[in-house]
C-alpha atoms as a PDB file:
ATOM      1  CA  MET A   1     125.605 166.305 118.177  1.00  0.00           C
ATOM      2  CA  LYS A   2     125.713 162.699 116.927  1.00  0.00           C
ATOM      3  CA  ASN A   3     129.017 162.167 118.727  1.00  0.00           C
ATOM      4  CA  TRP A   4     127.567 163.631 121.922  1.00  0.00           C
ATOM      5  CA  PHE A   5     124.643 161.183 121.842  1.00  0.00           C
ATOM      6  CA  LYS A   6     126.998 158.332 121.016  1.00  0.00           C
ATOM      7  CA  HIS A   7     129.290 159.062 123.954  1.00  0.00           C
ATOM      8  CA  ASN A   8     126.448 159.664 126.407  1.00  0.00           C
ATOM      9  CA  ARG A   9     123.901 157.066 125.338  1.00  0.00           C
ATOM     10  CA  GLY A  10     124.509 154.938 128.427  1.00  0.00           C
ATOM     11  CA  PHE A  11     123.780 157.874 130.718  1.00  0.00           C
ATOM     12  CA  LEU A  12     120.736 158.878 128.642  1.00  0.00           C
ATOM     13  CA  LEU A  13     119.412 155.314 128.810  1.00  0.00           C
ATOM     14  CA  PHE A  14     119.885 155.370 132.584  1.00  0.00           C
ATOM     15  CA  LEU A  15     117.919 158.648 132.826  1.00  0.00           C
ATOM     16  CA  LEU A  16     115.148 157.204 130.673  1.00  0.00           C
ATOM     17  CA  CYS A  17     114.886 154.051 132.785  1.00  0.00           C
ATOM     18  CA  PHE A  18     115.081 156.042 136.010  1.00  0.00           C
ATOM     19  CA  GLY A  19     112.335 158.398 134.833  1.00  0.00           C
ATOM     20  CA  PHE A  20     110.123 155.446 133.853  1.00  0.00           C
ATOM     21  CA  PHE A  21     110.728 153.813 137.239  1.00  0.00           C
ATOM     22  CA  ARG A  22     109.797 156.961 139.183  1.00  0.00           C
ATOM     23  CA  THR A  23     106.711 157.802 137.122  1.00  0.00           C
ATOM     24  CA  ALA A  24     105.294 154.301 136.654  1.00  0.00           C
ATOM     25  CA  VAL A  25     106.689 151.882 139.243  1.00  0.00           C
ATOM     26  CA  ALA A  26     107.844 153.459 142.505  1.00  0.00           C
ATOM     27  CA  ASP A  27     108.557 156.887 143.903  1.00  0.00           C
ATOM     28  CA  TRP A  28     109.398 158.712 147.105  1.00  0.00           C
ATOM     29  CA  ASN A  29     107.429 161.518 148.644  1.00  0.00           C
ATOM     30  CA  PRO A  30     108.726 164.095 151.180  1.00  0.00           C
ATOM     31  CA  ILE A  31     106.220 165.083 153.869  1.00  0.00           C
ATOM     32  CA  PRO A  32     106.069 168.912 153.955  1.00  0.00           C
ATOM     33  CA  SER A  33     103.199 169.460 156.402  1.00  0.00           C
ATOM     34  CA  GLY A  34     101.653 168.088 159.581  1.00  0.00           C
ATOM     35  CA  SER A  35      98.348 166.896 158.085  1.00  0.00           C
ATOM     36  CA  MET A  36      99.166 163.230 158.814  1.00  0.00           C
ATOM     37  CA  ARG A  37     100.554 163.663 162.324  1.00  0.00           C
ATOM     38  CA  PRO A  38     101.101 161.739 164.554  1.00  0.00           C
ATOM     39  CA  ASN A  39     101.881 158.973 162.030  1.00  0.00           C
ATOM     40  CA  LEU A  40     103.836 161.034 159.501  1.00  0.00           C
ATOM     41  CA  LEU A  41     105.991 163.971 160.527  1.00  0.00           C
ATOM     42  CA  GLU A  42     107.338 166.913 158.582  1.00  0.00           C
ATOM     43  CA  GLY A  43     110.686 165.766 157.196  1.00  0.00           C
ATOM     44  CA  ASP A  44     109.719 162.119 156.686  1.00  0.00           C
ATOM     45  CA  VAL A  45     110.348 160.728 153.202  1.00  0.00           C
ATOM     46  CA  VAL A  46     108.004 157.870 152.324  1.00  0.00           C
ATOM     47  CA  PHE A  47     108.313 155.114 149.734  1.00  0.00           C
ATOM     48  CA  VAL A  48     105.335 155.073 147.361  1.00  0.00           C
ATOM     49  CA  ASN A  49     104.316 151.975 145.411  1.00  0.00           C
ATOM     50  CA  ARG A  50     102.895 153.348 142.152  1.00  0.00           C
ATOM     51  CA  LEU A  51     101.777 149.857 141.071  1.00  0.00           C
ATOM     52  CA  ALA A  52      99.634 149.301 144.167  1.00  0.00           C
ATOM     53  CA  TYR A  53      96.412 150.102 142.284  1.00  0.00           C
ATOM     54  CA  ASP A  54      96.995 150.789 138.596  1.00  0.00           C
ATOM     55  CA  PHE A  55      99.576 150.682 135.837  1.00  0.00           C
ATOM     56  CA  LYS A  56      99.506 154.098 134.195  1.00  0.00           C
ATOM     57  CA  LEU A  57     101.006 155.611 131.098  1.00  0.00           C
ATOM     58  CA  PRO A  58     104.103 157.391 132.500  1.00  0.00           C
ATOM     59  CA  LEU A  59     103.699 161.124 133.155  1.00  0.00           C
ATOM     60  CA  THR A  60      99.917 160.901 132.759  1.00  0.00           C
ATOM     61  CA  ASP A  61      96.808 159.911 134.747  1.00  0.00           C
ATOM     62  CA  HIS A  62      95.750 157.486 132.002  1.00  0.00           C
ATOM     63  CA  ILE A  63      95.175 154.002 133.464  1.00  0.00           C
ATOM     64  CA  ILE A  64      96.451 151.241 131.189  1.00  0.00           C
ATOM     65  CA  ALA A  65      95.521 148.363 133.492  1.00  0.00           C
ATOM     66  CA  PRO A  66      93.893 148.265 136.951  1.00  0.00           C
ATOM     67  CA  LEU A  67      95.904 146.042 139.301  1.00  0.00           C
ATOM     68  CA  ALA A  68      94.100 146.097 142.674  1.00  0.00           C
ATOM     69  CA  ASP A  69      91.355 147.960 144.487  1.00  0.00           C
ATOM     70  CA  PRO A  70      92.319 150.642 147.025  1.00  0.00           C
ATOM     71  CA  GLN A  71      91.406 149.618 150.564  1.00  0.00           C
ATOM     72  CA  ARG A  72      90.136 151.518 153.602  1.00  0.00           C
ATOM     73  CA  GLY A  73      93.026 152.522 155.795  1.00  0.00           C
ATOM     74  CA  ASP A  74      95.593 152.788 152.987  1.00  0.00           C
ATOM     75  CA  ILE A  75      97.839 155.853 153.126  1.00  0.00           C
ATOM     76  CA  VAL A  76      97.615 157.209 149.594  1.00  0.00           C
ATOM     77  CA  THR A  77      99.383 159.851 147.537  1.00  0.00           C
ATOM     78  CA  PHE A  78      97.185 161.560 144.955  1.00  0.00           C
ATOM     79  CA  SER A  79      96.720 164.726 142.927  1.00  0.00           C
ATOM     80  CA  SER A  80      94.230 167.146 144.439  1.00  0.00           C
ATOM     81  CA  PRO A  81      91.040 167.314 142.343  1.00  0.00           C
ATOM     82  CA  ARG A  82      90.975 171.025 143.152  1.00  0.00           C
ATOM     83  CA  ASP A  83      94.361 172.233 141.920  1.00  0.00           C
ATOM     84  CA  GLY A  84      96.551 169.208 141.110  1.00  0.00           C
ATOM     85  CA  THR A  85      98.777 169.558 144.191  1.00  0.00           C
ATOM     86  CA  ARG A  86     100.253 166.240 145.323  1.00  0.00           C
ATOM     87  CA  LEU A  87      98.760 165.260 148.679  1.00  0.00           C
ATOM     88  CA  ILE A  88      99.058 162.327 151.069  1.00  0.00           C
ATOM     89  CA  LYS A  89      96.083 161.251 153.192  1.00  0.00           C
ATOM     90  CA  ARG A  90      94.368 158.165 154.568  1.00  0.00           C
ATOM     91  CA  LEU A  91      91.713 156.467 152.454  1.00  0.00           C
ATOM     92  CA  ILE A  92      88.607 156.290 154.629  1.00  0.00           C
ATOM     93  CA  ALA A  93      85.717 155.295 152.354  1.00  0.00           C
ATOM     94  CA  VAL A  94      85.531 153.306 149.108  1.00  0.00           C
ATOM     95  CA  PRO A  95      82.852 153.143 146.380  1.00  0.00           C
ATOM     96  CA  GLY A  96      79.486 152.025 147.767  1.00  0.00           C
ATOM     97  CA  ASP A  97      80.223 153.136 151.339  1.00  0.00           C
ATOM     98  CA  THR A  98      77.923 155.512 153.174  1.00  0.00           C
ATOM     99  CA  VAL A  99      80.090 157.768 155.322  1.00  0.00           C
ATOM    100  CA  GLU A 100      79.291 160.599 157.703  1.00  0.00           C
ATOM    101  CA  MET A 101      80.888 162.477 160.574  1.00  0.00           C
ATOM    102  CA  ARG A 102      79.180 163.621 163.785  1.00  0.00           C
ATOM    103  CA  ASP A 103      81.164 165.913 166.054  1.00  0.00           C
ATOM    104  CA  GLY A 104      84.413 164.333 164.862  1.00  0.00           C
ATOM    105  CA  ARG A 105      83.184 160.720 165.089  1.00  0.00           C
ATOM    106  CA  LEU A 106      83.267 158.717 161.864  1.00  0.00           C
ATOM    107  CA  LEU A 107      80.414 156.452 160.794  1.00  0.00           C
ATOM    108  CA  ILE A 108      80.741 154.091 157.837  1.00  0.00           C
ATOM    109  CA  ASN A 109      77.737 152.078 156.667  1.00  0.00           C
ATOM    110  CA  GLY A 110      75.976 152.853 159.945  1.00  0.00           C
ATOM    111  CA  GLU A 111      78.850 151.605 162.126  1.00  0.00           C
ATOM    112  CA  SER A 112      80.364 154.139 164.493  1.00  0.00           C
ATOM    113  CA  ALA A 113      84.111 154.368 165.061  1.00  0.00           C
ATOM    114  CA  GLN A 114      85.438 153.789 168.582  1.00  0.00           C
ATOM    115  CA  TYR A 115      88.163 155.960 170.093  1.00  0.00           C
ATOM    116  CA  ASP A 116      90.436 154.819 172.909  1.00  0.00           C
ATOM    117  CA  ASP A 117      93.950 155.112 174.347  1.00  0.00           C
ATOM    118  CA  VAL A 118      93.650 158.911 174.460  1.00  0.00           C
ATOM    119  CA  GLN A 119      96.867 160.791 175.254  1.00  0.00           C
ATOM    120  CA  GLU A 120      97.538 164.517 175.600  1.00  0.00           C
ATOM    121  CA  LYS A 121     100.524 165.893 173.700  1.00  0.00           C
ATOM    122  CA  PRO A 122     101.716 169.391 172.741  1.00  0.00           C
ATOM    123  CA  GLU A 123     101.339 169.950 168.998  1.00  0.00           C
ATOM    124  CA  PRO A 124     103.278 172.552 166.970  1.00  0.00           C
ATOM    125  CA  LEU A 125     100.884 174.717 164.970  1.00  0.00           C
ATOM    126  CA  GLU A 126     102.310 177.574 162.937  1.00  0.00           C
ATOM    127  CA  PRO A 127     102.044 180.511 163.473  1.00  0.00           C
ATOM    128  CA  PHE A 128     100.463 179.948 166.888  1.00  0.00           C
ATOM    129  CA  GLY A 129     103.328 178.109 168.594  1.00  0.00           C
ATOM    130  CA  SER A 130     101.720 174.983 170.005  1.00  0.00           C
ATOM    131  CA  VAL A 131      98.297 173.718 171.042  1.00  0.00           C
ATOM    132  CA  LYS A 132      97.082 170.711 173.007  1.00  0.00           C
ATOM    133  CA  ALA A 133      96.570 167.608 170.875  1.00  0.00           C
ATOM    134  CA  LEU A 134      94.476 164.609 171.862  1.00  0.00           C
ATOM    135  CA  GLN A 135      96.041 161.566 170.206  1.00  0.00           C
ATOM    136  CA  MET A 136      93.907 158.434 170.085  1.00  0.00           C
ATOM    137  CA  THR A 137      93.323 155.143 168.287  1.00  0.00           C
ATOM    138  CA  GLU A 138      90.426 155.188 165.830  1.00  0.00           C
ATOM    139  CA  LYS A 139      88.842 151.740 165.359  1.00  0.00           C
ATOM    140  CA  LEU A 140      86.188 150.984 162.753  1.00  0.00           C
ATOM    141  CA  GLY A 141      85.944 147.409 161.541  1.00  0.00           C
ATOM    142  CA  ALA A 142      89.371 146.462 160.177  1.00  0.00           C
ATOM    143  CA  LEU A 143      90.363 150.130 160.120  1.00  0.00           C
ATOM    144  CA  GLU A 144      92.616 150.948 163.092  1.00  0.00           C
ATOM    145  CA  HIS A 145      95.207 153.699 163.347  1.00  0.00           C
ATOM    146  CA  ARG A 146      96.382 156.587 165.498  1.00  0.00           C
ATOM    147  CA  MET A 147      94.923 160.038 164.812  1.00  0.00           C
ATOM    148  CA  GLN A 148      94.544 163.297 166.668  1.00  0.00           C
ATOM    149  CA  ARG A 149      92.296 166.268 167.352  1.00  0.00           C
ATOM    150  CA  LEU A 150      93.539 169.746 168.213  1.00  0.00           C
ATOM    151  CA  GLU A 151      92.020 171.662 171.099  1.00  0.00           C
ATOM    152  CA  GLY A 152      90.604 175.053 170.126  1.00  0.00           C
ATOM    153  CA  VAL A 153      91.176 174.598 166.364  1.00  0.00           C
ATOM    154  CA  ARG A 154      88.059 174.861 164.233  1.00  0.00           C
ATOM    155  CA  SER A 155      87.524 172.481 161.315  1.00  0.00           C
ATOM    156  CA  ILE A 156      84.688 170.607 159.640  1.00  0.00           C
ATOM    157  CA  SER A 157      83.830 168.030 162.293  1.00  0.00           C
ATOM    158  CA  SER A 158      80.361 167.043 161.030  1.00  0.00           C
ATOM    159  CA  PHE A 159      78.855 166.295 157.626  1.00  0.00           C
ATOM    160  CA  GLU A 160      75.714 164.544 156.401  1.00  0.00           C
ATOM    161  CA  PRO A 161      75.800 160.956 155.078  1.00  0.00           C
ATOM    162  CA  VAL A 162      77.502 160.682 151.682  1.00  0.00           C
ATOM    163  CA  VAL A 163      77.274 157.635 149.412  1.00  0.00           C
ATOM    164  CA  ILE A 164      80.619 157.205 147.657  1.00  0.00           C
ATOM    165  CA  PRO A 165      80.000 156.797 143.903  1.00  0.00           C
ATOM    166  CA  PRO A 166      81.894 154.349 141.651  1.00  0.00           C
ATOM    167  CA  GLY A 167      85.494 155.307 140.992  1.00  0.00           C
ATOM    168  CA  GLN A 168      85.653 157.846 143.844  1.00  0.00           C
ATOM    169  CA  TYR A 169      87.315 157.801 147.279  1.00  0.00           C
ATOM    170  CA  LEU A 170      87.043 159.827 150.478  1.00  0.00           C
ATOM    171  CA  MET A 171      90.350 160.875 152.045  1.00  0.00           C
ATOM    172  CA  LEU A 172      91.020 162.303 155.511  1.00  0.00           C
ATOM    173  CA  GLY A 173      94.206 163.434 157.232  1.00  0.00           C
ATOM    174  CA  ASP A 174      95.095 161.714 160.507  1.00  0.00           C
ATOM    175  CA  ASN A 175      95.581 165.210 161.956  1.00  0.00           C
ATOM    176  CA  ARG A 176      91.854 165.877 161.630  1.00  0.00           C
ATOM    177  CA  ASP A 177      91.834 169.544 162.596  1.00  0.00           C
ATOM    178  CA  ASN A 178      94.763 170.528 160.378  1.00  0.00           C
ATOM    179  CA  SER A 179      94.222 168.789 157.055  1.00  0.00           C
ATOM    180  CA  ALA A 180      92.946 169.940 153.649  1.00  0.00           C
ATOM    181  CA  ASP A 181      91.241 166.670 152.745  1.00  0.00           C
ATOM    182  CA  SER A 182      87.975 165.490 151.167  1.00  0.00           C
ATOM    183  CA  ARG A 183      85.991 167.709 153.529  1.00  0.00           C
ATOM    184  CA  TYR A 184      87.441 170.677 151.633  1.00  0.00           C
ATOM    185  CA  ILE A 185      88.591 169.411 148.214  1.00  0.00           C
ATOM    186  CA  GLY A 186      85.909 166.786 147.558  1.00  0.00           C
ATOM    187  CA  LEU A 187      86.110 163.114 146.659  1.00  0.00           C
ATOM    188  CA  VAL A 188      89.146 161.861 144.765  1.00  0.00           C
ATOM    189  CA  PRO A 189      88.700 160.043 141.415  1.00  0.00           C
ATOM    190  CA  ARG A 190      90.682 156.836 140.961  1.00  0.00           C
ATOM    191  CA  GLN A 191      92.677 158.216 138.040  1.00  0.00           C
ATOM    192  CA  LEU A 192      94.166 160.847 140.371  1.00  0.00           C
ATOM    193  CA  LEU A 193      95.542 158.225 142.775  1.00  0.00           C
ATOM    194  CA  ILE A 194      99.336 158.053 142.456  1.00  0.00           C
ATOM    195  CA  GLY A 195     100.159 155.144 144.755  1.00  0.00           C
ATOM    196  CA  ARG A 196     100.174 153.683 148.253  1.00  0.00           C
ATOM    197  CA  ALA A 197     102.723 154.887 150.797  1.00  0.00           C
ATOM    198  CA  VAL A 198     104.349 151.787 152.258  1.00  0.00           C
ATOM    199  CA  ARG A 199     107.087 152.840 154.679  1.00  0.00           C
ATOM    200  CA  ILE A 200     109.327 155.690 155.795  1.00  0.00           C
ATOM    201  CA  LEU A 201     112.616 155.675 153.896  1.00  0.00           C
ATOM    202  CA  ALA A 202     114.325 158.428 155.875  1.00  0.00           C
ATOM    203  CA  SER A 203     113.480 161.250 158.270  1.00  0.00           C
ATOM    204  CA  ALA A 204     115.004 164.497 159.514  1.00  0.00           C
ATOM    205  CA  ASP A 205     113.767 167.090 161.983  1.00  0.00           C
ATOM    206  CA  ILE A 206     113.209 169.893 159.464  1.00  0.00           C
ATOM    207  CA  LYS A 207     111.299 171.952 162.050  1.00  0.00           C
ATOM    208  CA  GLY A 208     114.172 171.811 164.525  1.00  0.00           C
ATOM    209  CA  ASP A 209     117.869 170.991 164.251  1.00  0.00           C
ATOM    210  CA  TRP A 210     117.692 169.032 160.940  1.00  0.00           C
ATOM    211  CA  LEU A 211     119.259 166.011 162.588  1.00  0.00           C
ATOM    212  CA  PRO A 212     118.222 162.606 161.215  1.00  0.00           C
ATOM    213  CA  ARG A 213     115.517 160.755 163.175  1.00  0.00           C
ATOM    214  CA  LEU A 214     117.165 157.353 162.842  1.00  0.00           C
ATOM    215  CA  GLY A 215     114.413 155.547 164.738  1.00  0.00           C
ATOM    216  CA  ARG A 216     111.974 156.347 161.915  1.00  0.00           C
ATOM    217  CA  PHE A 217     114.172 154.973 159.085  1.00  0.00           C
ATOM    218  CA  GLY A 218     112.478 151.974 157.443  1.00  0.00           C
ATOM    219  CA  GLN A 219     109.379 152.226 159.657  1.00  0.00           C
ATOM    220  CA  LYS A 220     106.346 150.483 158.123  1.00  0.00           C
ATOM    221  CA  LEU A 221     103.233 152.631 157.803  1.00  0.00           C
ATOM    222  CA  GLN A 222      99.942 151.610 159.403  1.00  0.00           C
END
């Protein structure tokens, strides 16, 4: 056994460093579902900066040192407070914000979001084939991104004003009618945040012919 460790110590050191890098510094996250369409597609692989907010003890949720505050509009990977599943959503409200939704329209601190540049697109929705999607730009203060609503799909489109407590965050999917987000799983504590998704590393059409979508490689996330 000693000889085995001696002859393989370089490889073992590499594995240790690689594991530390992935669990504490940076990671990549495959996108398995359509909850962030139209901005993230099934088959995208995103680069995640694990040091965007906190330095954590590797393989744990224990925060050793906070590094920066999460911001509205960030695309964030986190562990679900319900069952620990890794999710990726958009951070919509930070501690101290008052947020509500009225018939799909967001309001933060009394300011209503504006929606423009509406486009109709077919949207795949298993197991129903496809439905009509209304893709639009959601603007609220400095928060501006594309999102979509699905015609005929029922979801929570209204909720009463909620004041976000310290250390908690409200997350929503950009695909508002097909996303298990804070409307269903609750607010997300800071210690469950994994990191901020920065850009798309690679992409393949896993719902179709599995060919690479080269135009999405290296695309910066907004």
